[in-house]
Amino acid sequence: MKFNDAVYAKIKEIPMGKVTTYKEVAVAIGKPGASRAVGNALNRNPNPIKVPCHRVGRSDLDIGGFSKGADEKKRLLKKESVKFDGNKVRPEYMFRFYRS
């Protein structure tokens, strides 16, 4: 599976109302040093409706970038009932992929 396809497949697993990090996605696809590459893949997301890249943010809980702007990303997350402190996602909304 190509890197971008692996990222998109993993992003589809994030439940509505939850947010994860670029690093968490990188680790989950077996590429722990590829956080920036995950961000680059999401920047090229060909189908943001099916691949909800707005559910991925920075490790410091900041919402991070979005092709349509941070305000739109925050609006989409609020629509999913995600709560914020400023531009930072509250920790209880963070999602971690299962690790055995």
PDB file of N, CA and C in Angstrom:
ATOM      1  N   MET A   1       0.856  -1.177   0.000  1.00  0.00           N
ATOM      2  CA  MET A   1       0.000   0.000   0.000  1.00  0.00           C
ATOM      3  C   MET A   1       0.899   1.236   0.000  1.00  0.00           C
ATOM      4  N   LYS A   2       0.568   2.208  -0.818  1.00  0.00           N
ATOM      5  CA  LYS A   2       1.327   3.451  -0.867  1.00  0.00           C
ATOM      6  C   LYS A   2       1.131   4.229   0.435  1.00  0.00           C
ATOM      7  N   PHE A   3       2.127   5.060   0.746  1.00  0.00           N
ATOM      8  CA  PHE A   3       2.103   5.824   1.996  1.00  0.00           C
ATOM      9  C   PHE A   3       0.814   6.633   2.139  1.00  0.00           C
ATOM     10  N   ASN A   4       0.482   7.450   1.144  1.00  0.00           N
ATOM     11  CA  ASN A   4      -0.723   8.290   1.244  1.00  0.00           C
ATOM     12  C   ASN A   4      -1.974   7.448   1.439  1.00  0.00           C
ATOM     13  N   ASP A   5      -2.068   6.339   0.730  1.00  0.00           N
ATOM     14  CA  ASP A   5      -3.235   5.466   0.872  1.00  0.00           C
ATOM     15  C   ASP A   5      -3.325   4.889   2.285  1.00  0.00           C
ATOM     16  N   ALA A   6      -2.174   4.555   2.875  1.00  0.00           N
ATOM     17  CA  ALA A   6      -2.158   4.048   4.256  1.00  0.00           C
ATOM     18  C   ALA A   6      -2.633   5.133   5.220  1.00  0.00           C
ATOM     19  N   VAL A   7      -2.197   6.364   4.988  1.00  0.00           N
ATOM     20  CA  VAL A   7      -2.639   7.487   5.829  1.00  0.00           C
ATOM     21  C   VAL A   7      -4.148   7.669   5.707  1.00  0.00           C
ATOM     22  N   TYR A   8      -4.653   7.712   4.486  1.00  0.00           N
ATOM     23  CA  TYR A   8      -6.091   7.937   4.273  1.00  0.00           C
ATOM     24  C   TYR A   8      -6.926   6.819   4.899  1.00  0.00           C
ATOM     25  N   ALA A   9      -6.462   5.591   4.765  1.00  0.00           N
ATOM     26  CA  ALA A   9      -7.190   4.462   5.358  1.00  0.00           C
ATOM     27  C   ALA A   9      -7.233   4.595   6.882  1.00  0.00           C
ATOM     28  N   LYS A  10      -6.130   5.006   7.487  1.00  0.00           N
ATOM     29  CA  LYS A  10      -6.079   5.129   8.942  1.00  0.00           C
ATOM     30  C   LYS A  10      -6.956   6.293   9.410  1.00  0.00           C
ATOM     31  N   ILE A  11      -6.976   7.385   8.685  1.00  0.00           N
ATOM     32  CA  ILE A  11      -7.780   8.557   9.057  1.00  0.00           C
ATOM     33  C   ILE A  11      -9.270   8.200   9.092  1.00  0.00           C
ATOM     34  N   LYS A  12      -9.679   7.327   8.206  1.00  0.00           N
ATOM     35  CA  LYS A  12     -11.090   6.915   8.160  1.00  0.00           C
ATOM     36  C   LYS A  12     -11.519   6.198   9.438  1.00  0.00           C
ATOM     37  N   GLU A  13     -10.553   5.716  10.240  1.00  0.00           N
ATOM     38  CA  GLU A  13     -10.870   5.015  11.489  1.00  0.00           C
ATOM     39  C   GLU A  13     -11.146   5.961  12.655  1.00  0.00           C
ATOM     40  N   ILE A  14     -10.844   7.237  12.495  1.00  0.00           N
ATOM     41  CA  ILE A  14     -11.051   8.188  13.595  1.00  0.00           C
ATOM     42  C   ILE A  14     -12.544   8.451  13.727  1.00  0.00           C
ATOM     43  N   PRO A  15     -13.115   8.190  14.892  1.00  0.00           N
ATOM     44  CA  PRO A  15     -14.561   8.386  15.049  1.00  0.00           C
ATOM     45  C   PRO A  15     -14.953   9.869  15.019  1.00  0.00           C
ATOM     46  N   MET A  16     -16.163  10.116  14.592  1.00  0.00           N
ATOM     47  CA  MET A  16     -16.708  11.459  14.639  1.00  0.00           C
ATOM     48  C   MET A  16     -16.650  11.960  16.082  1.00  0.00           C
ATOM     49  N   GLY A  17     -16.261  13.225  16.255  1.00  0.00           N
ATOM     50  CA  GLY A  17     -16.193  13.803  17.590  1.00  0.00           C
ATOM     51  C   GLY A  17     -14.877  13.545  18.308  1.00  0.00           C
ATOM     52  N   LYS A  18     -13.926  12.971  17.600  1.00  0.00           N
ATOM     53  CA  LYS A  18     -12.601  12.706  18.171  1.00  0.00           C
ATOM     54  C   LYS A  18     -11.534  13.306  17.258  1.00  0.00           C
ATOM     55  N   VAL A  19     -10.373  13.574  17.832  1.00  0.00           N
ATOM     56  CA  VAL A  19      -9.244  14.153  17.105  1.00  0.00           C
ATOM     57  C   VAL A  19      -7.991  13.373  17.483  1.00  0.00           C
ATOM     58  N   THR A  20      -7.116  13.158  16.521  1.00  0.00           N
ATOM     59  CA  THR A  20      -5.832  12.524  16.804  1.00  0.00           C
ATOM     60  C   THR A  20      -4.721  13.424  16.293  1.00  0.00           C
ATOM     61  N   THR A  21      -3.488  12.962  16.398  1.00  0.00           N
ATOM     62  CA  THR A  21      -2.346  13.780  16.000  1.00  0.00           C
ATOM     63  C   THR A  21      -1.661  13.194  14.767  1.00  0.00           C
ATOM     64  N   TYR A  22      -0.886  14.047  14.105  1.00  0.00           N
ATOM     65  CA  TYR A  22      -0.093  13.588  12.960  1.00  0.00           C
ATOM     66  C   TYR A  22       0.854  12.474  13.419  1.00  0.00           C
ATOM     67  N   LYS A  23       1.439  12.643  14.582  1.00  0.00           N
ATOM     68  CA  LYS A  23       2.356  11.636  15.119  1.00  0.00           C
ATOM     69  C   LYS A  23       1.631  10.322  15.388  1.00  0.00           C
ATOM     70  N   GLU A  24       0.452  10.399  15.962  1.00  0.00           N
ATOM     71  CA  GLU A  24      -0.329   9.185  16.256  1.00  0.00           C
ATOM     72  C   GLU A  24      -0.620   8.412  14.966  1.00  0.00           C
ATOM     73  N   VAL A  25      -0.968   9.127  13.911  1.00  0.00           N
ATOM     74  CA  VAL A  25      -1.231   8.473  12.621  1.00  0.00           C
ATOM     75  C   VAL A  25       0.046   7.827  12.097  1.00  0.00           C
ATOM     76  N   ALA A  26       1.168   8.556  12.167  1.00  0.00           N
ATOM     77  CA  ALA A  26       2.440   8.023  11.687  1.00  0.00           C
ATOM     78  C   ALA A  26       2.806   6.725  12.410  1.00  0.00           C
ATOM     79  N   VAL A  27       2.664   6.720  13.725  1.00  0.00           N
ATOM     80  CA  VAL A  27       2.967   5.514  14.512  1.00  0.00           C
ATOM     81  C   VAL A  27       2.009   4.384  14.129  1.00  0.00           C
ATOM     82  N   ALA A  28       0.737   4.708  13.967  1.00  0.00           N
ATOM     83  CA  ALA A  28      -0.279   3.686  13.668  1.00  0.00           C
ATOM     84  C   ALA A  28      -0.064   3.007  12.322  1.00  0.00           C
ATOM     85  N   ILE A  29       0.558   3.709  11.366  1.00  0.00           N
ATOM     86  CA  ILE A  29       0.816   3.078  10.064  1.00  0.00           C
ATOM     87  C   ILE A  29       2.229   2.502   9.980  1.00  0.00           C
ATOM     88  N   GLY A  30       2.921   2.488  11.126  1.00  0.00           N
ATOM     89  CA  GLY A  30       4.244   1.871  11.166  1.00  0.00           C
ATOM     90  C   GLY A  30       5.378   2.759  10.689  1.00  0.00           C
ATOM     91  N   LYS A  31       5.165   4.062  10.663  1.00  0.00           N
ATOM     92  CA  LYS A  31       6.189   5.025  10.231  1.00  0.00           C
ATOM     93  C   LYS A  31       6.340   6.104  11.297  1.00  0.00           C
ATOM     94  N   PRO A  32       6.866   5.755  12.469  1.00  0.00           N
ATOM     95  CA  PRO A  32       6.870   6.681  13.611  1.00  0.00           C
ATOM     96  C   PRO A  32       7.591   8.007  13.392  1.00  0.00           C
ATOM     97  N   GLY A  33       8.490   8.088  12.450  1.00  0.00           N
ATOM     98  CA  GLY A  33       9.194   9.345  12.197  1.00  0.00           C
ATOM     99  C   GLY A  33       8.584  10.173  11.088  1.00  0.00           C
ATOM    100  N   ALA A  34       7.391   9.828  10.654  1.00  0.00           N
ATOM    101  CA  ALA A  34       6.818  10.444   9.459  1.00  0.00           C
ATOM    102  C   ALA A  34       5.654  11.399   9.733  1.00  0.00           C
ATOM    103  N   SER A  35       5.676  12.070  10.886  1.00  0.00           N
ATOM    104  CA  SER A  35       4.581  12.993  11.211  1.00  0.00           C
ATOM    105  C   SER A  35       4.390  14.068  10.146  1.00  0.00           C
ATOM    106  N   ARG A  36       5.486  14.660   9.713  1.00  0.00           N
ATOM    107  CA  ARG A  36       5.404  15.721   8.693  1.00  0.00           C
ATOM    108  C   ARG A  36       4.874  15.164   7.372  1.00  0.00           C
ATOM    109  N   ALA A  37       5.295  13.967   7.020  1.00  0.00           N
ATOM    110  CA  ALA A  37       4.807  13.335   5.785  1.00  0.00           C
ATOM    111  C   ALA A  37       3.313  13.053   5.873  1.00  0.00           C
ATOM    112  N   VAL A  38       2.817  12.711   7.066  1.00  0.00           N
ATOM    113  CA  VAL A  38       1.372  12.525   7.260  1.00  0.00           C
ATOM    114  C   VAL A  38       0.663  13.848   6.970  1.00  0.00           C
ATOM    115  N   GLY A  39       1.187  14.938   7.511  1.00  0.00           N
ATOM    116  CA  GLY A  39       0.598  16.256   7.242  1.00  0.00           C
ATOM    117  C   GLY A  39       0.599  16.589   5.763  1.00  0.00           C
ATOM    118  N   ASN A  40       1.687  16.277   5.080  1.00  0.00           N
ATOM    119  CA  ASN A  40       1.763  16.530   3.640  1.00  0.00           C
ATOM    120  C   ASN A  40       0.749  15.693   2.874  1.00  0.00           C
ATOM    121  N   ALA A  41       0.584  14.438   3.282  1.00  0.00           N
ATOM    122  CA  ALA A  41      -0.413  13.575   2.632  1.00  0.00           C
ATOM    123  C   ALA A  41      -1.811  14.140   2.824  1.00  0.00           C
ATOM    124  N   LEU A  42      -2.103  14.604   4.033  1.00  0.00           N
ATOM    125  CA  LEU A  42      -3.437  15.157   4.305  1.00  0.00           C
ATOM    126  C   LEU A  42      -3.662  16.455   3.553  1.00  0.00           C
ATOM    127  N   ASN A  43      -2.599  17.213   3.326  1.00  0.00           N
ATOM    128  CA  ASN A  43      -2.711  18.447   2.542  1.00  0.00           C
ATOM    129  C   ASN A  43      -3.117  18.144   1.099  1.00  0.00           C
ATOM    130  N   ARG A  44      -2.788  16.941   0.632  1.00  0.00           N
ATOM    131  CA  ARG A  44      -3.145  16.514  -0.728  1.00  0.00           C
ATOM    132  C   ARG A  44      -4.377  15.603  -0.755  1.00  0.00           C
ATOM    133  N   ASN A  45      -5.096  15.546   0.331  1.00  0.00           N
ATOM    134  CA  ASN A  45      -6.274  14.683   0.448  1.00  0.00           C
ATOM    135  C   ASN A  45      -7.239  14.944  -0.716  1.00  0.00           C
ATOM    136  N   PRO A  46      -7.455  13.953  -1.588  1.00  0.00           N
ATOM    137  CA  PRO A  46      -8.316  14.166  -2.746  1.00  0.00           C
ATOM    138  C   PRO A  46      -9.813  14.130  -2.417  1.00  0.00           C
ATOM    139  N   ASN A  47     -10.171  13.647  -1.227  1.00  0.00           N
ATOM    140  CA  ASN A  47     -11.584  13.501  -0.911  1.00  0.00           C
ATOM    141  C   ASN A  47     -11.842  13.753   0.578  1.00  0.00           C
ATOM    142  N   PRO A  48     -11.851  15.043   0.998  1.00  0.00           N
ATOM    143  CA  PRO A  48     -12.010  15.343   2.424  1.00  0.00           C
ATOM    144  C   PRO A  48     -13.355  14.930   3.022  1.00  0.00           C
ATOM    145  N   ILE A  49     -14.330  14.588   2.195  1.00  0.00           N
ATOM    146  CA  ILE A  49     -15.606  14.119   2.732  1.00  0.00           C
ATOM    147  C   ILE A  49     -15.456  12.680   3.221  1.00  0.00           C
ATOM    148  N   LYS A  50     -14.748  11.850   2.456  1.00  0.00           N
ATOM    149  CA  LYS A  50     -14.550  10.452   2.841  1.00  0.00           C
ATOM    150  C   LYS A  50     -13.357  10.262   3.762  1.00  0.00           C
ATOM    151  N   VAL A  51     -12.373  11.151   3.675  1.00  0.00           N
ATOM    152  CA  VAL A  51     -11.168  11.080   4.507  1.00  0.00           C
ATOM    153  C   VAL A  51     -11.157  12.328   5.388  1.00  0.00           C
ATOM    154  N   PRO A  52     -11.683  12.219   6.605  1.00  0.00           N
ATOM    155  CA  PRO A  52     -11.900  13.396   7.454  1.00  0.00           C
ATOM    156  C   PRO A  52     -10.617  13.958   8.070  1.00  0.00           C
ATOM    157  N   CYS A  53      -9.789  14.590   7.218  1.00  0.00           N
ATOM    158  CA  CYS A  53      -8.496  15.089   7.681  1.00  0.00           C
ATOM    159  C   CYS A  53      -8.631  16.218   8.704  1.00  0.00           C
ATOM    160  N   HIS A  54      -9.816  16.795   8.838  1.00  0.00           N
ATOM    161  CA  HIS A  54     -10.015  17.823   9.867  1.00  0.00           C
ATOM    162  C   HIS A  54      -9.922  17.241  11.276  1.00  0.00           C
ATOM    163  N   ARG A  55      -9.921  15.920  11.397  1.00  0.00           N
ATOM    164  CA  ARG A  55      -9.827  15.259  12.713  1.00  0.00           C
ATOM    165  C   ARG A  55      -8.380  14.996  13.146  1.00  0.00           C
ATOM    166  N   VAL A  56      -7.420  15.596  12.458  1.00  0.00           N
ATOM    167  CA  VAL A  56      -6.014  15.413  12.804  1.00  0.00           C
ATOM    168  C   VAL A  56      -5.398  16.766  13.137  1.00  0.00           C
ATOM    169  N   GLY A  57      -4.703  16.812  14.278  1.00  0.00           N
ATOM    170  CA  GLY A  57      -4.073  18.055  14.715  1.00  0.00           C
ATOM    171  C   GLY A  57      -2.673  17.808  15.253  1.00  0.00           C
ATOM    172  N   ARG A  58      -2.154  18.829  15.884  1.00  0.00           N
ATOM    173  CA  ARG A  58      -0.780  18.771  16.386  1.00  0.00           C
ATOM    174  C   ARG A  58      -0.702  18.076  17.744  1.00  0.00           C
ATOM    175  N   SER A  59       0.488  17.640  18.083  1.00  0.00           N
ATOM    176  CA  SER A  59       0.710  16.941  19.356  1.00  0.00           C
ATOM    177  C   SER A  59       0.461  17.820  20.572  1.00  0.00           C
ATOM    178  N   ASP A  60       0.572  19.142  20.409  1.00  0.00           N
ATOM    179  CA  ASP A  60       0.313  20.052  21.529  1.00  0.00           C
ATOM    180  C   ASP A  60      -1.181  20.363  21.670  1.00  0.00           C
ATOM    181  N   LEU A  61      -2.018  19.627  20.942  1.00  0.00           N
ATOM    182  CA  LEU A  61      -3.480  19.725  20.932  1.00  0.00           C
ATOM    183  C   LEU A  61      -4.005  20.916  20.154  1.00  0.00           C
ATOM    184  N   ASP A  62      -3.115  21.719  19.529  1.00  0.00           N
ATOM    185  CA  ASP A  62      -3.554  22.782  18.635  1.00  0.00           C
ATOM    186  C   ASP A  62      -4.182  22.122  17.410  1.00  0.00           C
ATOM    187  N   ILE A  63      -5.184  22.766  16.823  1.00  0.00           N
ATOM    188  CA  ILE A  63      -5.882  22.134  15.707  1.00  0.00           C
ATOM    189  C   ILE A  63      -5.016  21.989  14.465  1.00  0.00           C
ATOM    190  N   GLY A  64      -3.964  22.790  14.337  1.00  0.00           N
ATOM    191  CA  GLY A  64      -3.068  22.655  13.189  1.00  0.00           C
ATOM    192  C   GLY A  64      -3.673  23.229  11.922  1.00  0.00           C
ATOM    193  N   GLY A  65      -3.030  22.928  10.801  1.00  0.00           N
ATOM    194  CA  GLY A  65      -3.436  23.478   9.514  1.00  0.00           C
ATOM    195  C   GLY A  65      -4.589  22.724   8.879  1.00  0.00           C
ATOM    196  N   PHE A  66      -5.128  23.354   7.845  1.00  0.00           N
ATOM    197  CA  PHE A  66      -6.235  22.764   7.094  1.00  0.00           C
ATOM    198  C   PHE A  66      -6.302  23.483   5.758  1.00  0.00           C
ATOM    199  N   SER A  67      -6.572  22.761   4.694  1.00  0.00           N
ATOM    200  CA  SER A  67      -6.575  23.368   3.355  1.00  0.00           C
ATOM    201  C   SER A  67      -7.582  24.507   3.222  1.00  0.00           C
ATOM    202  N   LYS A  68      -8.654  24.463   3.986  1.00  0.00           N
ATOM    203  CA  LYS A  68      -9.676  25.516   3.924  1.00  0.00           C
ATOM    204  C   LYS A  68      -9.545  26.509   5.082  1.00  0.00           C
ATOM    205  N   GLY A  69      -8.442  26.427   5.823  1.00  0.00           N
ATOM    206  CA  GLY A  69      -8.182  27.354   6.909  1.00  0.00           C
ATOM    207  C   GLY A  69      -8.560  26.794   8.273  1.00  0.00           C
ATOM    208  N   ALA A  70      -7.866  27.300   9.293  1.00  0.00           N
ATOM    209  CA  ALA A  70      -8.063  26.819  10.665  1.00  0.00           C
ATOM    210  C   ALA A  70      -9.473  27.095  11.179  1.00  0.00           C
ATOM    211  N   ASP A  71     -10.061  28.230  10.786  1.00  0.00           N
ATOM    212  CA  ASP A  71     -11.423  28.539  11.253  1.00  0.00           C
ATOM    213  C   ASP A  71     -12.431  27.510  10.748  1.00  0.00           C
ATOM    214  N   GLU A  72     -12.264  27.089   9.499  1.00  0.00           N
ATOM    215  CA  GLU A  72     -13.167  26.070   8.937  1.00  0.00           C
ATOM    216  C   GLU A  72     -12.949  24.720   9.620  1.00  0.00           C
ATOM    217  N   LYS A  73     -11.689  24.388   9.906  1.00  0.00           N
ATOM    218  CA  LYS A  73     -11.391  23.137  10.608  1.00  0.00           C
ATOM    219  C   LYS A  73     -12.062  23.136  11.979  1.00  0.00           C
ATOM    220  N   LYS A  74     -11.945  24.242  12.679  1.00  0.00           N
ATOM    221  CA  LYS A  74     -12.553  24.353  14.002  1.00  0.00           C
ATOM    222  C   LYS A  74     -14.071  24.271  13.908  1.00  0.00           C
ATOM    223  N   ARG A  75     -14.649  24.888  12.881  1.00  0.00           N
ATOM    224  CA  ARG A  75     -16.100  24.837  12.690  1.00  0.00           C
ATOM    225  C   ARG A  75     -16.564  23.405  12.468  1.00  0.00           C
ATOM    226  N   LEU A  76     -15.841  22.659  11.638  1.00  0.00           N
ATOM    227  CA  LEU A  76     -16.203  21.262  11.378  1.00  0.00           C
ATOM    228  C   LEU A  76     -16.108  20.416  12.652  1.00  0.00           C
ATOM    229  N   LEU A  77     -15.070  20.643  13.435  1.00  0.00           N
ATOM    230  CA  LEU A  77     -14.916  19.888  14.676  1.00  0.00           C
ATOM    231  C   LEU A  77     -15.992  20.258  15.690  1.00  0.00           C
ATOM    232  N   LYS A  78     -16.333  21.532  15.784  1.00  0.00           N
ATOM    233  CA  LYS A  78     -17.409  21.947  16.688  1.00  0.00           C
ATOM    234  C   LYS A  78     -18.734  21.314  16.271  1.00  0.00           C
ATOM    235  N   LYS A  79     -18.943  21.189  14.961  1.00  0.00           N
ATOM    236  CA  LYS A  79     -20.154  20.549  14.448  1.00  0.00           C
ATOM    237  C   LYS A  79     -20.235  19.088  14.913  1.00  0.00           C
ATOM    238  N   GLU A  80     -19.067  18.486  15.183  1.00  0.00           N
ATOM    239  CA  GLU A  80     -18.997  17.118  15.696  1.00  0.00           C
ATOM    240  C   GLU A  80     -18.964  17.101  17.228  1.00  0.00           C
ATOM    241  N   SER A  81     -19.216  18.236  17.839  1.00  0.00           N
ATOM    242  CA  SER A  81     -19.282  18.401  19.307  1.00  0.00           C
ATOM    243  C   SER A  81     -17.928  18.366  20.013  1.00  0.00           C
ATOM    244  N   VAL A  82     -16.838  18.590  19.278  1.00  0.00           N
ATOM    245  CA  VAL A  82     -15.519  18.686  19.895  1.00  0.00           C
ATOM    246  C   VAL A  82     -15.430  20.032  20.601  1.00  0.00           C
ATOM    247  N   LYS A  83     -14.893  20.044  21.817  1.00  0.00           N
ATOM    248  CA  LYS A  83     -14.760  21.264  22.616  1.00  0.00           C
ATOM    249  C   LYS A  83     -13.300  21.722  22.631  1.00  0.00           C
ATOM    250  N   PHE A  84     -13.116  23.026  22.786  1.00  0.00           N
ATOM    251  CA  PHE A  84     -11.794  23.643  22.716  1.00  0.00           C
ATOM    252  C   PHE A  84     -11.524  24.533  23.912  1.00  0.00           C
ATOM    253  N   ASP A  85     -10.245  24.734  24.159  1.00  0.00           N
ATOM    254  CA  ASP A  85      -9.742  25.801  25.017  1.00  0.00           C
ATOM    255  C   ASP A  85      -8.906  26.659  24.077  1.00  0.00           C
ATOM    256  N   GLY A  86      -9.465  27.761  23.618  1.00  0.00           N
ATOM    257  CA  GLY A  86      -8.803  28.562  22.582  1.00  0.00           C
ATOM    258  C   GLY A  86      -8.808  27.773  21.285  1.00  0.00           C
ATOM    259  N   ASN A  87      -7.625  27.552  20.706  1.00  0.00           N
ATOM    260  CA  ASN A  87      -7.502  26.729  19.497  1.00  0.00           C
ATOM    261  C   ASN A  87      -7.010  25.331  19.814  1.00  0.00           C
ATOM    262  N   LYS A  88      -7.009  24.975  21.081  1.00  0.00           N
ATOM    263  CA  LYS A  88      -6.533  23.649  21.473  1.00  0.00           C
ATOM    264  C   LYS A  88      -7.714  22.742  21.814  1.00  0.00           C
ATOM    265  N   VAL A  89      -7.665  21.543  21.282  1.00  0.00           N
ATOM    266  CA  VAL A  89      -8.692  20.539  21.552  1.00  0.00           C
ATOM    267  C   VAL A  89      -8.562  20.112  23.013  1.00  0.00           C
ATOM    268  N   ARG A  90      -9.673  20.005  23.686  1.00  0.00           N
ATOM    269  CA  ARG A  90      -9.629  19.496  25.065  1.00  0.00           C
ATOM    270  C   ARG A  90      -9.167  18.036  25.036  1.00  0.00           C
ATOM    271  N   PRO A  91      -8.321  17.651  25.983  1.00  0.00           N
ATOM    272  CA  PRO A  91      -7.725  16.300  25.967  1.00  0.00           C
ATOM    273  C   PRO A  91      -8.730  15.159  25.909  1.00  0.00           C
ATOM    274  N   GLU A  92      -9.906  15.334  26.468  1.00  0.00           N
ATOM    275  CA  GLU A  92     -10.877  14.232  26.477  1.00  0.00           C
ATOM    276  C   GLU A  92     -11.416  13.888  25.083  1.00  0.00           C
ATOM    277  N   TYR A  93     -11.121  14.721  24.078  1.00  0.00           N
ATOM    278  CA  TYR A  93     -11.568  14.450  22.714  1.00  0.00           C
ATOM    279  C   TYR A  93     -10.481  13.801  21.862  1.00  0.00           C
ATOM    280  N   MET A  94      -9.338  13.524  22.479  1.00  0.00           N
ATOM    281  CA  MET A  94      -8.239  12.914  21.730  1.00  0.00           C
ATOM    282  C   MET A  94      -8.491  11.415  21.530  1.00  0.00           C
ATOM    283  N   PHE A  95      -8.115  10.957  20.357  1.00  0.00           N
ATOM    284  CA  PHE A  95      -8.285   9.555  19.974  1.00  0.00           C
ATOM    285  C   PHE A  95      -6.914   8.938  19.761  1.00  0.00           C
ATOM    286  N   ARG A  96      -6.730   7.735  20.285  1.00  0.00           N
ATOM    287  CA  ARG A  96      -5.507   6.969  20.048  1.00  0.00           C
ATOM    288  C   ARG A  96      -5.884   5.654  19.383  1.00  0.00           C
ATOM    289  N   PHE A  97      -5.125   5.287  18.378  1.00  0.00           N
ATOM    290  CA  PHE A  97      -5.349   4.014  17.715  1.00  0.00           C
ATOM    291  C   PHE A  97      -4.921   2.889  18.642  1.00  0.00           C
ATOM    292  N   TYR A  98      -5.610   1.787  18.588  1.00  0.00           N
ATOM    293  CA  TYR A  98      -5.292   0.624  19.427  1.00  0.00           C
ATOM    294  C   TYR A  98      -3.908   0.102  19.086  1.00  0.00           C
ATOM    295  N   ARG A  99      -3.162  -0.189  20.109  1.00  0.00           N
ATOM    296  CA  ARG A  99      -1.841  -0.813  19.933  1.00  0.00           C
ATOM    297  C   ARG A  99      -1.798  -2.063  20.790  1.00  0.00           C
ATOM    298  N   SER A 100      -1.336  -3.151  20.204  1.00  0.00           N
ATOM    299  CA  SER A 100      -1.256  -4.404  20.977  1.00  0.00           C
ATOM    300  C   SER A 100       0.030  -4.487  21.747  1.00  0.00           C
TER     301      SER A 100
END
